[in-house]
Amino acid sequence: MALIELEQLRKTYHMGEESVHALDGVSLEIPERQFVAILGPSGSGKSTLMHMLGFMDTPTGGRMVFDGKDVTHINVTQRAWYRCNRIGFVFQAFNLLPRLSVLDNVLLPVVYSRELENKKHARERALEALERVGLTPRAKHLPSQLSGGERQRVAIARALINHPRLILADEPTGNLDSKNVDRILSLFGQLKEEGQTIIMVTHDLHVSSYAQRVISMRDGQVEKDFLQTPRLSGADAVAAGGRL
């Protein structure tokens, strides 16, 4: 079953008398349990597409289906519900609150969720998420006491806390050195093998080589869409160095 279905999705911005077609008829199906990289240069439409998939913006035209439901014209409150309860976000700048501990940062999505099920056993789930990314010993640390790679792993744990249907990662390795880039991308591969759906936006060919599927964009349209053998699978990463 497709988790996401897009049919001729369009987004047009009006700047004076000029119209900019940020998305110009994008049609895609993304199944569950797939690790997808959306690749393209600045201005290609990849960030606009991510905003649509993350319920941060609405299309000008076309149709969007998420988990079997038509969500093309849902209102602001409904979009906020999807962002909080169905999507996990990982950002380039980590976006951790500096005065909160690692554990409390991971718990933040629970605070904003209105789903009672998300609030049950939240602390235990947060510790489990930190265990998945290998950071249980850092639970009481502040973000300033962590390396860049560790802070990004905290952000990934935070994205997992509410059991999202989809993880959206926006240039998640842009602030990391090459060693931590490989660790984070291998972790995404591992999460995919555990059943998670991941869509990652990047402009970097090396980063996209870790994904199972690459969607290349240009001028608001899909230029290429292909499957590939990932550079390093999650299973290989575990064999090489244990849990990340």
C-alpha atoms as a PDB file:
ATOM      1  CA  MET A   1       0.000   0.000   0.000  1.00  0.00           C
ATOM      2  CA  ALA A   2       1.267   3.482  -0.824  1.00  0.00           C
ATOM      3  CA  LEU A   3       1.773   5.703   2.201  1.00  0.00           C
ATOM      4  CA  ILE A   4       1.815   8.807  -0.022  1.00  0.00           C
ATOM      5  CA  GLU A   5       0.137   9.404  -3.393  1.00  0.00           C
ATOM      6  CA  LEU A   6       0.620  12.642  -5.294  1.00  0.00           C
ATOM      7  CA  GLU A   7      -1.306  13.385  -8.488  1.00  0.00           C
ATOM      8  CA  GLN A   8      -0.229  16.395 -10.567  1.00  0.00           C
ATOM      9  CA  LEU A   9       0.661  18.341  -7.431  1.00  0.00           C
ATOM     10  CA  ARG A  10       1.260  22.032  -8.096  1.00  0.00           C
ATOM     11  CA  LYS A  11       2.406  25.017  -6.064  1.00  0.00           C
ATOM     12  CA  THR A  12       2.494  28.458  -7.621  1.00  0.00           C
ATOM     13  CA  TYR A  13       3.747  31.615  -5.946  1.00  0.00           C
ATOM     14  CA  HIS A  14       2.719  35.024  -7.286  1.00  0.00           C
ATOM     15  CA  MET A  15       5.383  37.721  -7.093  1.00  0.00           C
ATOM     16  CA  GLY A  16       3.854  40.872  -8.522  1.00  0.00           C
ATOM     17  CA  GLU A  17       2.913  40.080 -12.088  1.00  0.00           C
ATOM     18  CA  GLU A  18       5.201  37.053 -12.200  1.00  0.00           C
ATOM     19  CA  SER A  19       4.132  33.494 -11.332  1.00  0.00           C
ATOM     20  CA  VAL A  20       6.720  31.034 -10.029  1.00  0.00           C
ATOM     21  CA  HIS A  21       5.825  27.347 -10.392  1.00  0.00           C
ATOM     22  CA  ALA A  22       7.696  25.793  -7.449  1.00  0.00           C
ATOM     23  CA  LEU A  23       5.944  22.476  -8.143  1.00  0.00           C
ATOM     24  CA  ASP A  24       4.733  21.898 -11.669  1.00  0.00           C
ATOM     25  CA  GLY A  25       2.662  18.708 -11.831  1.00  0.00           C
ATOM     26  CA  VAL A  26       4.422  16.228  -9.548  1.00  0.00           C
ATOM     27  CA  SER A  27       2.969  12.697  -9.512  1.00  0.00           C
ATOM     28  CA  LEU A  28       4.491  10.107  -7.151  1.00  0.00           C
ATOM     29  CA  GLU A  29       3.689   7.057  -5.074  1.00  0.00           C
ATOM     30  CA  ILE A  30       5.815   6.315  -2.024  1.00  0.00           C
ATOM     31  CA  PRO A  31       5.168   2.973  -0.333  1.00  0.00           C
ATOM     32  CA  GLU A  32       5.674   2.194   3.322  1.00  0.00           C
ATOM     33  CA  ARG A  33       9.102   1.057   4.545  1.00  0.00           C
ATOM     34  CA  GLN A  34      11.049   2.931   1.881  1.00  0.00           C
ATOM     35  CA  PHE A  35      14.085   5.204   2.311  1.00  0.00           C
ATOM     36  CA  VAL A  36      13.761   7.938  -0.316  1.00  0.00           C
ATOM     37  CA  ALA A  37      16.169  10.756  -1.162  1.00  0.00           C
ATOM     38  CA  ILE A  38      14.763  13.817  -2.913  1.00  0.00           C
ATOM     39  CA  LEU A  39      17.721  15.277  -4.760  1.00  0.00           C
ATOM     40  CA  GLY A  40      18.137  18.556  -6.584  1.00  0.00           C
ATOM     41  CA  PRO A  41      19.872  21.927  -6.712  1.00  0.00           C
ATOM     42  CA  SER A  42      18.576  25.081  -5.067  1.00  0.00           C
ATOM     43  CA  GLY A  43      15.309  26.137  -6.698  1.00  0.00           C
ATOM     44  CA  SER A  44      14.475  22.673  -8.014  1.00  0.00           C
ATOM     45  CA  GLY A  45      11.313  22.339  -5.898  1.00  0.00           C
ATOM     46  CA  LYS A  46      12.597  19.753  -3.431  1.00  0.00           C
ATOM     47  CA  SER A  47      12.049  21.949  -0.358  1.00  0.00           C
ATOM     48  CA  THR A  48       8.569  22.935  -1.516  1.00  0.00           C
ATOM     49  CA  LEU A  49       7.729  19.267  -1.972  1.00  0.00           C
ATOM     50  CA  MET A  50       8.974  18.525   1.546  1.00  0.00           C
ATOM     51  CA  HIS A  51       6.758  21.310   2.908  1.00  0.00           C
ATOM     52  CA  MET A  52       3.766  19.672   1.225  1.00  0.00           C
ATOM     53  CA  LEU A  53       4.646  16.221   2.543  1.00  0.00           C
ATOM     54  CA  GLY A  54       5.133  17.650   6.042  1.00  0.00           C
ATOM     55  CA  PHE A  55       1.765  19.483   6.034  1.00  0.00           C
ATOM     56  CA  MET A  56       3.555  22.833   6.330  1.00  0.00           C
ATOM     57  CA  ASP A  57       1.954  24.210   3.164  1.00  0.00           C
ATOM     58  CA  THR A  58      -0.977  23.534   0.852  1.00  0.00           C
ATOM     59  CA  PRO A  59      -0.922  22.859  -2.902  1.00  0.00           C
ATOM     60  CA  THR A  60      -2.281  25.207  -5.533  1.00  0.00           C
ATOM     61  CA  GLY A  61      -3.551  22.264  -7.557  1.00  0.00           C
ATOM     62  CA  GLY A  62      -3.511  18.499  -7.820  1.00  0.00           C
ATOM     63  CA  ARG A  63      -4.218  15.871  -5.186  1.00  0.00           C
ATOM     64  CA  MET A  64      -2.399  14.470  -2.149  1.00  0.00           C
ATOM     65  CA  VAL A  65      -3.329  11.261  -0.334  1.00  0.00           C
ATOM     66  CA  PHE A  66      -1.661  10.273   2.945  1.00  0.00           C
ATOM     67  CA  ASP A  67      -2.184   6.811   4.434  1.00  0.00           C
ATOM     68  CA  GLY A  68      -5.296   6.295   2.300  1.00  0.00           C
ATOM     69  CA  LYS A  69      -6.920   9.650   3.134  1.00  0.00           C
ATOM     70  CA  ASP A  70      -7.287  12.602   0.794  1.00  0.00           C
ATOM     71  CA  VAL A  71      -5.530  15.446   2.608  1.00  0.00           C
ATOM     72  CA  THR A  72      -5.367  17.955  -0.246  1.00  0.00           C
ATOM     73  CA  HIS A  73      -7.712  20.512   1.280  1.00  0.00           C
ATOM     74  CA  ILE A  74      -7.535  19.862   5.023  1.00  0.00           C
ATOM     75  CA  ASN A  75      -7.605  22.923   7.280  1.00  0.00           C
ATOM     76  CA  VAL A  76      -4.906  24.452   9.494  1.00  0.00           C
ATOM     77  CA  THR A  77      -5.926  22.479  12.592  1.00  0.00           C
ATOM     78  CA  GLN A  78      -5.921  19.190  10.716  1.00  0.00           C
ATOM     79  CA  ARG A  79      -2.514  19.915   9.211  1.00  0.00           C
ATOM     80  CA  ALA A  80      -1.142  20.623  12.693  1.00  0.00           C
ATOM     81  CA  TRP A  81      -2.529  17.282  13.897  1.00  0.00           C
ATOM     82  CA  TYR A  82      -0.739  15.412  11.114  1.00  0.00           C
ATOM     83  CA  ARG A  83       2.537  17.246  11.823  1.00  0.00           C
ATOM     84  CA  CYS A  84       2.346  16.393  15.489  1.00  0.00           C
ATOM     85  CA  ASN A  85       1.073  12.824  15.347  1.00  0.00           C
ATOM     86  CA  ARG A  86       1.994  11.309  11.991  1.00  0.00           C
ATOM     87  CA  ILE A  87       5.253  13.019  10.950  1.00  0.00           C
ATOM     88  CA  GLY A  88       8.676  13.014  12.608  1.00  0.00           C
ATOM     89  CA  PHE A  89      10.993  15.848  11.573  1.00  0.00           C
ATOM     90  CA  VAL A  90      14.803  15.899  11.482  1.00  0.00           C
ATOM     91  CA  PHE A  91      16.428  19.220  10.597  1.00  0.00           C
ATOM     92  CA  GLN A  92      19.903  20.270   9.517  1.00  0.00           C
ATOM     93  CA  ALA A  93      20.342  22.544  12.566  1.00  0.00           C
ATOM     94  CA  PHE A  94      19.155  19.848  15.055  1.00  0.00           C
ATOM     95  CA  ASN A  95      16.716  22.357  16.715  1.00  0.00           C
ATOM     96  CA  LEU A  96      17.357  21.131  20.257  1.00  0.00           C
ATOM     97  CA  LEU A  97      16.445  23.394  23.180  1.00  0.00           C
ATOM     98  CA  PRO A  98      19.749  24.205  24.925  1.00  0.00           C
ATOM     99  CA  ARG A  99      18.415  24.340  28.495  1.00  0.00           C
ATOM    100  CA  LEU A 100      16.633  20.999  28.322  1.00  0.00           C
ATOM    101  CA  SER A 101      18.299  17.653  28.865  1.00  0.00           C
ATOM    102  CA  VAL A 102      18.614  15.142  26.051  1.00  0.00           C
ATOM    103  CA  LEU A 103      15.694  13.161  27.498  1.00  0.00           C
ATOM    104  CA  ASP A 104      13.459  16.238  27.802  1.00  0.00           C
ATOM    105  CA  ASN A 105      14.276  17.265  24.210  1.00  0.00           C
ATOM    106  CA  VAL A 106      13.178  13.831  23.005  1.00  0.00           C
ATOM    107  CA  LEU A 107       9.934  14.209  24.986  1.00  0.00           C
ATOM    108  CA  LEU A 108       8.975  17.555  23.386  1.00  0.00           C
ATOM    109  CA  PRO A 109       6.662  16.130  20.674  1.00  0.00           C
ATOM    110  CA  VAL A 110       4.669  14.370  23.408  1.00  0.00           C
ATOM    111  CA  VAL A 111       4.094  17.706  25.151  1.00  0.00           C
ATOM    112  CA  TYR A 112       2.513  19.166  22.008  1.00  0.00           C
ATOM    113  CA  SER A 113       0.520  16.074  21.060  1.00  0.00           C
ATOM    114  CA  ARG A 114      -3.181  15.879  21.869  1.00  0.00           C
ATOM    115  CA  GLU A 115      -3.244  12.116  21.412  1.00  0.00           C
ATOM    116  CA  LEU A 116      -3.675  10.418  24.786  1.00  0.00           C
ATOM    117  CA  GLU A 117      -2.028   7.304  23.379  1.00  0.00           C
ATOM    118  CA  ASN A 118       1.120   9.326  22.686  1.00  0.00           C
ATOM    119  CA  LYS A 119       1.275  10.481  26.304  1.00  0.00           C
ATOM    120  CA  LYS A 120       1.118   6.963  27.801  1.00  0.00           C
ATOM    121  CA  HIS A 121       4.465   5.642  28.993  1.00  0.00           C
ATOM    122  CA  ALA A 122       6.159   8.589  27.265  1.00  0.00           C
ATOM    123  CA  ARG A 123       9.315   8.522  29.388  1.00  0.00           C
ATOM    124  CA  GLU A 124       9.812   4.813  28.710  1.00  0.00           C
ATOM    125  CA  ARG A 125       9.342   5.394  24.973  1.00  0.00           C
ATOM    126  CA  ALA A 126      11.831   8.258  25.037  1.00  0.00           C
ATOM    127  CA  LEU A 127      14.440   6.052  26.679  1.00  0.00           C
ATOM    128  CA  GLU A 128      13.721   3.329  24.115  1.00  0.00           C
ATOM    129  CA  ALA A 129      14.207   5.870  21.309  1.00  0.00           C
ATOM    130  CA  LEU A 130      17.534   6.942  22.813  1.00  0.00           C
ATOM    131  CA  GLU A 131      18.533   3.290  23.030  1.00  0.00           C
ATOM    132  CA  ARG A 132      17.763   2.859  19.326  1.00  0.00           C
ATOM    133  CA  VAL A 133      20.224   5.628  18.495  1.00  0.00           C
ATOM    134  CA  GLY A 134      22.792   4.527  21.091  1.00  0.00           C
ATOM    135  CA  LEU A 135      22.501   7.516  23.421  1.00  0.00           C
ATOM    136  CA  THR A 136      20.973   6.174  26.638  1.00  0.00           C
ATOM    137  CA  PRO A 137      24.102   7.142  28.641  1.00  0.00           C
ATOM    138  CA  ARG A 138      23.648  10.765  27.474  1.00  0.00           C
ATOM    139  CA  ALA A 139      20.016  11.079  28.613  1.00  0.00           C
ATOM    140  CA  LYS A 140      20.773  13.621  31.378  1.00  0.00           C
ATOM    141  CA  HIS A 141      23.294  15.658  29.369  1.00  0.00           C
ATOM    142  CA  LEU A 142      22.583  19.066  27.841  1.00  0.00           C
ATOM    143  CA  PRO A 143      22.912  19.516  24.054  1.00  0.00           C
ATOM    144  CA  SER A 144      26.037  21.654  24.570  1.00  0.00           C
ATOM    145  CA  GLN A 145      27.745  18.602  26.073  1.00  0.00           C
ATOM    146  CA  LEU A 146      27.253  16.540  22.906  1.00  0.00           C
ATOM    147  CA  SER A 147      29.053  16.327  19.579  1.00  0.00           C
ATOM    148  CA  GLY A 148      27.280  17.324  16.376  1.00  0.00           C
ATOM    149  CA  GLY A 149      26.655  13.697  15.463  1.00  0.00           C
ATOM    150  CA  GLU A 150      25.216  12.976  18.906  1.00  0.00           C
ATOM    151  CA  ARG A 151      22.908  15.989  18.698  1.00  0.00           C
ATOM    152  CA  GLN A 152      21.574  14.789  15.362  1.00  0.00           C
ATOM    153  CA  ARG A 153      20.944  11.338  16.846  1.00  0.00           C
ATOM    154  CA  VAL A 154      18.968  13.020  19.652  1.00  0.00           C
ATOM    155  CA  ALA A 155      16.916  14.773  16.955  1.00  0.00           C
ATOM    156  CA  ILE A 156      16.250  11.421  15.297  1.00  0.00           C
ATOM    157  CA  ALA A 157      15.158   9.922  18.634  1.00  0.00           C
ATOM    158  CA  ARG A 158      12.823  12.902  19.077  1.00  0.00           C
ATOM    159  CA  ALA A 159      11.363  12.258  15.616  1.00  0.00           C
ATOM    160  CA  LEU A 160      10.615   8.650  16.609  1.00  0.00           C
ATOM    161  CA  ILE A 161       8.918   9.308  19.955  1.00  0.00           C
ATOM    162  CA  ASN A 162       5.306   9.458  18.695  1.00  0.00           C
ATOM    163  CA  HIS A 163       5.680   6.424  16.384  1.00  0.00           C
ATOM    164  CA  PRO A 164       5.280   8.511  13.202  1.00  0.00           C
ATOM    165  CA  ARG A 165       4.123   7.051   9.914  1.00  0.00           C
ATOM    166  CA  LEU A 166       6.817   9.091   8.139  1.00  0.00           C
ATOM    167  CA  ILE A 167      10.152  10.683   9.010  1.00  0.00           C
ATOM    168  CA  LEU A 168      11.044  13.791   6.991  1.00  0.00           C
ATOM    169  CA  ALA A 169      14.717  14.736   7.085  1.00  0.00           C
ATOM    170  CA  ASP A 170      15.734  18.130   5.669  1.00  0.00           C
ATOM    171  CA  GLU A 171      19.474  18.159   4.819  1.00  0.00           C
ATOM    172  CA  PRO A 172      20.096  16.162   8.038  1.00  0.00           C
ATOM    173  CA  THR A 173      23.860  15.853   7.530  1.00  0.00           C
ATOM    174  CA  GLY A 174      24.598  19.409   6.392  1.00  0.00           C
ATOM    175  CA  ASN A 175      26.266  20.391   9.698  1.00  0.00           C
ATOM    176  CA  LEU A 176      28.229  17.155  10.228  1.00  0.00           C
ATOM    177  CA  ASP A 177      31.726  15.963   9.398  1.00  0.00           C
ATOM    178  CA  SER A 178      32.145  13.061   6.975  1.00  0.00           C
ATOM    179  CA  LYS A 179      32.440  10.400   9.693  1.00  0.00           C
ATOM    180  CA  ASN A 180      29.183  11.454  11.330  1.00  0.00           C
ATOM    181  CA  VAL A 181      27.493  11.813   7.922  1.00  0.00           C
ATOM    182  CA  ASP A 182      28.066   8.102   7.319  1.00  0.00           C
ATOM    183  CA  ARG A 183      26.879   7.187  10.819  1.00  0.00           C
ATOM    184  CA  ILE A 184      23.642   9.156  10.539  1.00  0.00           C
ATOM    185  CA  LEU A 185      22.842   7.837   7.056  1.00  0.00           C
ATOM    186  CA  SER A 186      23.569   4.268   8.133  1.00  0.00           C
ATOM    187  CA  LEU A 187      21.200   4.821  11.056  1.00  0.00           C
ATOM    188  CA  PHE A 188      18.472   5.884   8.626  1.00  0.00           C
ATOM    189  CA  GLY A 189      19.123   2.675   6.690  1.00  0.00           C
ATOM    190  CA  GLN A 190      18.765   0.676   9.877  1.00  0.00           C
ATOM    191  CA  LEU A 191      15.480   2.410  10.758  1.00  0.00           C
ATOM    192  CA  LYS A 192      14.171   1.671   7.270  1.00  0.00           C
ATOM    193  CA  GLU A 193      14.921  -2.030   7.747  1.00  0.00           C
ATOM    194  CA  GLU A 194      13.026  -1.897  11.046  1.00  0.00           C
ATOM    195  CA  GLY A 195       9.938  -0.696   9.145  1.00  0.00           C
ATOM    196  CA  GLN A 196      10.209   3.092   9.102  1.00  0.00           C
ATOM    197  CA  THR A 197       9.424   5.219   6.035  1.00  0.00           C
ATOM    198  CA  ILE A 198      11.999   7.993   5.514  1.00  0.00           C
ATOM    199  CA  ILE A 199      12.085  10.846   3.016  1.00  0.00           C
ATOM    200  CA  MET A 200      15.298  12.844   3.003  1.00  0.00           C
ATOM    201  CA  VAL A 201      15.870  16.104   1.121  1.00  0.00           C
ATOM    202  CA  THR A 202      19.432  16.713  -0.036  1.00  0.00           C
ATOM    203  CA  HIS A 203      21.532  18.345  -2.743  1.00  0.00           C
ATOM    204  CA  ASP A 204      24.447  15.947  -2.152  1.00  0.00           C
ATOM    205  CA  LEU A 205      24.978  12.896  -4.389  1.00  0.00           C
ATOM    206  CA  HIS A 206      27.006  11.126  -1.701  1.00  0.00           C
ATOM    207  CA  VAL A 207      24.168  11.535   0.797  1.00  0.00           C
ATOM    208  CA  SER A 208      21.563  10.305  -1.702  1.00  0.00           C
ATOM    209  CA  SER A 209      23.645   7.165  -2.367  1.00  0.00           C
ATOM    210  CA  TYR A 210      22.537   5.775   1.010  1.00  0.00           C
ATOM    211  CA  ALA A 211      18.861   5.809   0.013  1.00  0.00           C
ATOM    212  CA  GLN A 212      16.919   2.953  -1.548  1.00  0.00           C
ATOM    213  CA  ARG A 213      15.210   5.281  -4.003  1.00  0.00           C
ATOM    214  CA  VAL A 214      16.271   8.608  -5.507  1.00  0.00           C
ATOM    215  CA  ILE A 215      13.838  11.208  -6.857  1.00  0.00           C
ATOM    216  CA  SER A 216      15.748  13.897  -8.743  1.00  0.00           C
ATOM    217  CA  MET A 217      13.981  17.229  -9.268  1.00  0.00           C
ATOM    218  CA  ARG A 218      14.538  20.187 -11.541  1.00  0.00           C
ATOM    219  CA  ASP A 219      12.351  23.232 -12.254  1.00  0.00           C
ATOM    220  CA  GLY A 220       9.530  21.954 -10.086  1.00  0.00           C
ATOM    221  CA  GLN A 221       9.239  18.600 -11.846  1.00  0.00           C
ATOM    222  CA  VAL A 222      10.508  15.062 -11.312  1.00  0.00           C
ATOM    223  CA  GLU A 223      13.467  14.642 -13.651  1.00  0.00           C
ATOM    224  CA  LYS A 224      14.467  11.097 -12.621  1.00  0.00           C
ATOM    225  CA  ASP A 225      13.008   8.479 -10.284  1.00  0.00           C
ATOM    226  CA  PHE A 226      14.941   5.268  -9.727  1.00  0.00           C
ATOM    227  CA  LEU A 227      15.747   2.497  -7.272  1.00  0.00           C
ATOM    228  CA  GLN A 228      19.322   1.713  -6.308  1.00  0.00           C
ATOM    229  CA  THR A 229      21.378  -0.471  -3.999  1.00  0.00           C
ATOM    230  CA  PRO A 230      22.143   1.686  -0.942  1.00  0.00           C
ATOM    231  CA  ARG A 231      25.791   2.401  -0.195  1.00  0.00           C
ATOM    232  CA  LEU A 232      25.589   0.769   3.249  1.00  0.00           C
ATOM    233  CA  SER A 233      22.521  -1.014   4.541  1.00  0.00           C
ATOM    234  CA  GLY A 234      21.402  -0.833   8.141  1.00  0.00           C
ATOM    235  CA  ALA A 235      22.299  -4.485   8.632  1.00  0.00           C
ATOM    236  CA  ASP A 236      25.827  -3.854   7.326  1.00  0.00           C
ATOM    237  CA  ALA A 237      26.160  -0.873   9.644  1.00  0.00           C
ATOM    238  CA  VAL A 238      25.226  -2.980  12.654  1.00  0.00           C
ATOM    239  CA  ALA A 239      27.660  -5.698  11.617  1.00  0.00           C
ATOM    240  CA  ALA A 240      30.402  -3.110  11.173  1.00  0.00           C
ATOM    241  CA  GLY A 241      29.953  -1.269  14.430  1.00  0.00           C
ATOM    242  CA  GLY A 242      26.912  -2.282  16.452  1.00  0.00           C
ATOM    243  CA  ARG A 243      24.029   0.099  17.252  1.00  0.00           C
ATOM    244  CA  LEU A 244      24.724   3.649  16.182  1.00  0.00           C
END
